[in-house]
N, C-alpha and C. Protein backbone atom coordinates (compact mmCIF):
# COMPACT_ATOMS: atom_id res chain seq x y z
N MET A 1 0.52 -10.41 -5.58
CA MET A 1 -0.50 -10.55 -4.57
C MET A 1 -0.81 -9.17 -3.99
N ALA A 2 -2.06 -8.92 -3.69
CA ALA A 2 -2.48 -7.62 -3.16
C ALA A 2 -3.52 -7.85 -2.07
N PHE A 3 -3.76 -6.82 -1.28
CA PHE A 3 -4.83 -6.88 -0.30
C PHE A 3 -5.55 -5.54 -0.28
N THR A 4 -6.81 -5.57 0.14
CA THR A 4 -7.62 -4.36 0.25
C THR A 4 -8.06 -4.20 1.68
N ILE A 5 -7.96 -2.98 2.18
CA ILE A 5 -8.33 -2.67 3.56
C ILE A 5 -9.13 -1.37 3.55
N THR A 6 -10.17 -1.28 4.36
CA THR A 6 -10.95 -0.05 4.47
C THR A 6 -10.25 0.90 5.41
N GLN A 7 -10.03 2.13 4.94
CA GLN A 7 -9.34 3.14 5.74
C GLN A 7 -10.15 4.43 5.81
N LYS A 8 -10.01 5.14 6.92
CA LYS A 8 -10.59 6.48 7.05
C LYS A 8 -9.55 7.47 6.55
N LEU A 9 -9.89 8.18 5.48
CA LEU A 9 -8.96 9.11 4.85
C LEU A 9 -9.59 10.49 4.70
N SER A 10 -8.75 11.50 4.81
CA SER A 10 -9.20 12.88 4.58
C SER A 10 -9.46 13.06 3.09
N LYS A 11 -10.56 13.70 2.77
CA LYS A 11 -10.94 13.90 1.38
C LYS A 11 -10.90 15.39 1.04
N GLN A 12 -10.42 15.70 -0.17
CA GLN A 12 -10.40 17.07 -0.66
C GLN A 12 -10.87 17.10 -2.11
N SER A 13 -11.51 18.19 -2.48
CA SER A 13 -11.80 18.45 -3.88
C SER A 13 -10.81 19.50 -4.35
N PHE A 14 -10.41 19.42 -5.60
CA PHE A 14 -9.47 20.38 -6.17
C PHE A 14 -10.09 21.01 -7.41
N TYR A 15 -10.15 22.32 -7.41
CA TYR A 15 -10.64 23.07 -8.56
C TYR A 15 -9.42 23.55 -9.33
N LYS A 16 -9.03 22.76 -10.31
CA LYS A 16 -7.77 22.93 -11.03
C LYS A 16 -7.61 24.32 -11.66
N GLU A 17 -8.67 24.82 -12.27
CA GLU A 17 -8.56 26.09 -12.99
C GLU A 17 -8.21 27.27 -12.08
N ILE A 18 -8.59 27.19 -10.82
CA ILE A 18 -8.32 28.31 -9.91
C ILE A 18 -7.40 27.92 -8.76
N GLY A 19 -6.93 26.67 -8.75
CA GLY A 19 -5.95 26.24 -7.75
C GLY A 19 -6.47 26.20 -6.33
N VAL A 20 -7.75 25.84 -6.14
CA VAL A 20 -8.35 25.84 -4.80
C VAL A 20 -8.66 24.41 -4.36
N TYR A 21 -8.22 24.09 -3.13
CA TYR A 21 -8.56 22.82 -2.48
C TYR A 21 -9.66 23.07 -1.46
N VAL A 22 -10.64 22.19 -1.39
CA VAL A 22 -11.72 22.31 -0.43
C VAL A 22 -11.77 21.01 0.38
N ASP A 23 -11.59 21.13 1.71
CA ASP A 23 -11.68 19.96 2.58
C ASP A 23 -13.10 19.44 2.62
N GLU A 24 -13.24 18.12 2.56
CA GLU A 24 -14.56 17.51 2.57
C GLU A 24 -14.70 16.48 3.70
N GLY A 25 -13.87 16.62 4.74
CA GLY A 25 -13.99 15.73 5.88
C GLY A 25 -13.28 14.41 5.68
N VAL A 26 -13.73 13.42 6.44
CA VAL A 26 -13.12 12.09 6.43
C VAL A 26 -14.11 11.10 5.82
N GLU A 27 -13.58 10.17 5.03
CA GLU A 27 -14.41 9.18 4.35
C GLU A 27 -13.76 7.80 4.49
N GLU A 28 -14.58 6.77 4.68
CA GLU A 28 -14.08 5.40 4.69
C GLU A 28 -14.07 4.88 3.25
N VAL A 29 -12.88 4.43 2.80
CA VAL A 29 -12.75 3.95 1.43
C VAL A 29 -11.92 2.66 1.39
N PRO A 30 -12.20 1.78 0.43
CA PRO A 30 -11.38 0.59 0.27
C PRO A 30 -10.09 0.95 -0.48
N VAL A 31 -8.95 0.66 0.14
CA VAL A 31 -7.65 0.97 -0.44
C VAL A 31 -6.92 -0.34 -0.72
N THR A 32 -6.42 -0.48 -1.94
CA THR A 32 -5.69 -1.70 -2.31
C THR A 32 -4.19 -1.42 -2.32
N TYR A 33 -3.44 -2.30 -1.66
CA TYR A 33 -1.98 -2.23 -1.60
C TYR A 33 -1.41 -3.47 -2.28
N GLU A 34 -0.45 -3.26 -3.16
CA GLU A 34 0.19 -4.37 -3.85
C GLU A 34 1.71 -4.21 -3.76
N TYR A 35 2.39 -5.23 -3.25
CA TYR A 35 3.85 -5.20 -3.15
C TYR A 35 4.45 -4.92 -4.51
N ASN A 36 5.46 -4.04 -4.54
CA ASN A 36 6.13 -3.68 -5.78
C ASN A 36 7.58 -4.13 -5.78
N SER A 37 8.38 -3.65 -4.79
CA SER A 37 9.80 -4.01 -4.78
C SER A 37 10.43 -3.72 -3.42
N LEU A 38 11.56 -4.37 -3.19
CA LEU A 38 12.38 -4.05 -2.02
C LEU A 38 13.31 -2.91 -2.39
N THR A 39 13.47 -1.97 -1.47
CA THR A 39 14.34 -0.83 -1.77
C THR A 39 15.53 -0.75 -0.83
N GLY A 40 15.55 -1.61 0.19
CA GLY A 40 16.68 -1.60 1.09
C GLY A 40 16.62 -2.68 2.15
N TYR A 41 17.80 -3.06 2.65
CA TYR A 41 17.90 -4.03 3.73
C TYR A 41 19.21 -3.76 4.45
N ASP A 42 19.13 -3.50 5.76
CA ASP A 42 20.34 -3.17 6.52
C ASP A 42 20.76 -4.28 7.49
N GLY A 43 20.19 -5.46 7.34
CA GLY A 43 20.50 -6.57 8.23
C GLY A 43 19.41 -6.84 9.25
N THR A 44 18.60 -5.81 9.56
CA THR A 44 17.48 -5.99 10.49
C THR A 44 16.18 -5.38 9.98
N THR A 45 16.27 -4.41 9.11
CA THR A 45 15.08 -3.71 8.61
C THR A 45 15.02 -3.78 7.09
N VAL A 46 13.84 -4.09 6.59
CA VAL A 46 13.60 -4.12 5.14
C VAL A 46 12.74 -2.91 4.78
N SER A 47 13.06 -2.27 3.68
CA SER A 47 12.23 -1.19 3.13
C SER A 47 11.65 -1.69 1.82
N ALA A 48 10.35 -1.43 1.63
CA ALA A 48 9.68 -1.90 0.42
C ALA A 48 8.76 -0.81 -0.13
N THR A 49 8.43 -0.93 -1.41
CA THR A 49 7.46 -0.03 -2.02
C THR A 49 6.24 -0.83 -2.43
N TYR A 50 5.10 -0.14 -2.45
CA TYR A 50 3.82 -0.76 -2.76
C TYR A 50 3.06 0.13 -3.74
N ARG A 51 2.30 -0.50 -4.61
CA ARG A 51 1.39 0.22 -5.52
C ARG A 51 0.08 0.38 -4.76
N VAL A 52 -0.44 1.60 -4.71
CA VAL A 52 -1.66 1.88 -3.95
C VAL A 52 -2.73 2.40 -4.91
N SER A 53 -3.97 1.88 -4.71
CA SER A 53 -5.06 2.36 -5.55
C SER A 53 -6.37 2.40 -4.77
N ILE A 54 -7.26 3.27 -5.23
CA ILE A 54 -8.62 3.37 -4.69
C ILE A 54 -9.57 3.28 -5.87
N ASN A 55 -10.40 2.26 -5.85
CA ASN A 55 -11.37 2.04 -6.94
C ASN A 55 -10.73 2.10 -8.32
N GLY A 56 -9.54 1.52 -8.45
CA GLY A 56 -8.85 1.46 -9.73
C GLY A 56 -7.98 2.66 -10.06
N ALA A 57 -8.11 3.76 -9.29
CA ALA A 57 -7.27 4.94 -9.51
C ALA A 57 -5.96 4.74 -8.74
N VAL A 58 -4.84 4.70 -9.47
CA VAL A 58 -3.54 4.40 -8.89
C VAL A 58 -2.84 5.68 -8.44
N ALA A 59 -2.23 5.61 -7.23
CA ALA A 59 -1.46 6.75 -6.71
C ALA A 59 -0.30 7.07 -7.64
N SER A 60 0.04 8.34 -7.74
CA SER A 60 1.11 8.76 -8.64
C SER A 60 2.49 8.37 -8.12
N GLU A 61 2.62 8.12 -6.83
CA GLU A 61 3.89 7.71 -6.24
C GLU A 61 3.71 6.44 -5.45
N ALA A 62 4.77 5.66 -5.35
CA ALA A 62 4.73 4.42 -4.58
C ALA A 62 4.65 4.73 -3.09
N TYR A 63 3.99 3.85 -2.35
CA TYR A 63 3.92 3.95 -0.89
C TYR A 63 5.13 3.21 -0.34
N ARG A 64 5.86 3.83 0.58
CA ARG A 64 7.06 3.22 1.15
C ARG A 64 6.78 2.80 2.59
N PHE A 65 7.30 1.62 2.96
CA PHE A 65 7.10 1.09 4.30
C PHE A 65 8.31 0.26 4.69
N SER A 66 8.76 0.43 5.93
CA SER A 66 9.89 -0.34 6.46
C SER A 66 9.41 -1.20 7.60
N PHE A 67 10.00 -2.39 7.74
CA PHE A 67 9.58 -3.31 8.80
C PHE A 67 10.77 -4.14 9.28
N GLU A 68 10.66 -4.59 10.52
CA GLU A 68 11.67 -5.47 11.11
C GLU A 68 11.65 -6.79 10.37
N TYR A 69 12.84 -7.32 10.11
CA TYR A 69 12.94 -8.57 9.37
C TYR A 69 13.90 -9.50 10.11
N SER A 70 13.42 -10.69 10.46
CA SER A 70 14.21 -11.63 11.26
C SER A 70 15.20 -12.44 10.44
N GLY A 71 15.00 -12.51 9.14
CA GLY A 71 15.87 -13.30 8.28
C GLY A 71 15.41 -14.73 8.10
N ASP A 72 14.28 -15.08 8.72
CA ASP A 72 13.79 -16.46 8.67
C ASP A 72 13.08 -16.82 7.36
N ALA A 73 12.60 -15.85 6.63
CA ALA A 73 11.86 -16.11 5.40
C ALA A 73 12.29 -15.10 4.34
N ASN A 74 11.84 -15.33 3.13
CA ASN A 74 12.10 -14.40 2.04
C ASN A 74 11.36 -13.10 2.34
N PRO A 75 12.06 -11.96 2.39
CA PRO A 75 11.38 -10.70 2.76
C PRO A 75 10.26 -10.31 1.80
N THR A 76 10.36 -10.70 0.55
CA THR A 76 9.29 -10.36 -0.39
C THR A 76 8.00 -11.12 -0.06
N SER A 77 8.14 -12.29 0.56
CA SER A 77 6.95 -13.07 0.88
C SER A 77 6.21 -12.55 2.12
N VAL A 78 6.88 -11.72 2.93
CA VAL A 78 6.23 -11.19 4.13
C VAL A 78 5.93 -9.69 4.04
N ALA A 79 6.31 -9.04 2.95
CA ALA A 79 6.17 -7.59 2.84
C ALA A 79 4.72 -7.13 2.97
N GLU A 80 3.79 -7.75 2.24
CA GLU A 80 2.38 -7.34 2.33
C GLU A 80 1.79 -7.70 3.69
N GLU A 81 2.18 -8.85 4.22
CA GLU A 81 1.69 -9.27 5.53
C GLU A 81 2.07 -8.25 6.61
N LYS A 82 3.31 -7.77 6.58
CA LYS A 82 3.78 -6.79 7.57
C LYS A 82 3.05 -5.46 7.40
N LEU A 83 2.87 -5.01 6.16
CA LEU A 83 2.16 -3.75 5.94
C LEU A 83 0.72 -3.85 6.38
N LYS A 84 0.04 -4.94 6.03
CA LYS A 84 -1.35 -5.11 6.42
C LYS A 84 -1.51 -5.12 7.94
N ALA A 85 -0.63 -5.82 8.64
CA ALA A 85 -0.68 -5.86 10.10
C ALA A 85 -0.51 -4.46 10.67
N PHE A 86 0.39 -3.65 10.10
CA PHE A 86 0.59 -2.29 10.56
C PHE A 86 -0.66 -1.43 10.31
N LEU A 87 -1.21 -1.49 9.11
CA LEU A 87 -2.38 -0.67 8.77
C LEU A 87 -3.58 -1.01 9.63
N GLU A 88 -3.71 -2.26 10.04
CA GLU A 88 -4.84 -2.66 10.87
C GLU A 88 -4.76 -2.10 12.29
N THR A 89 -3.59 -1.58 12.68
CA THR A 89 -3.45 -0.98 14.01
C THR A 89 -3.83 0.50 14.01
N LEU A 90 -4.00 1.08 12.83
CA LEU A 90 -4.31 2.53 12.74
C LEU A 90 -5.78 2.80 12.99
């Protein structure tokens, strides 16, 4: 299961041959987050990784997010819900 949320992100162009980055301001883009795996649980906090993509281009590294976990439900079933709720506050 995945969700898509529109985010304001800083944009840069990279000129690979000369190693130059050029800032291009902020842009609103649809970002898709998909739960990947749990990476830790200490009794109160769960850490999870997510696959992140923009228009089909997948990030080279997983996105990591930790959240409070009450123990009432399977943590994998609430991982995306917790991340989405957090991102909507930004």
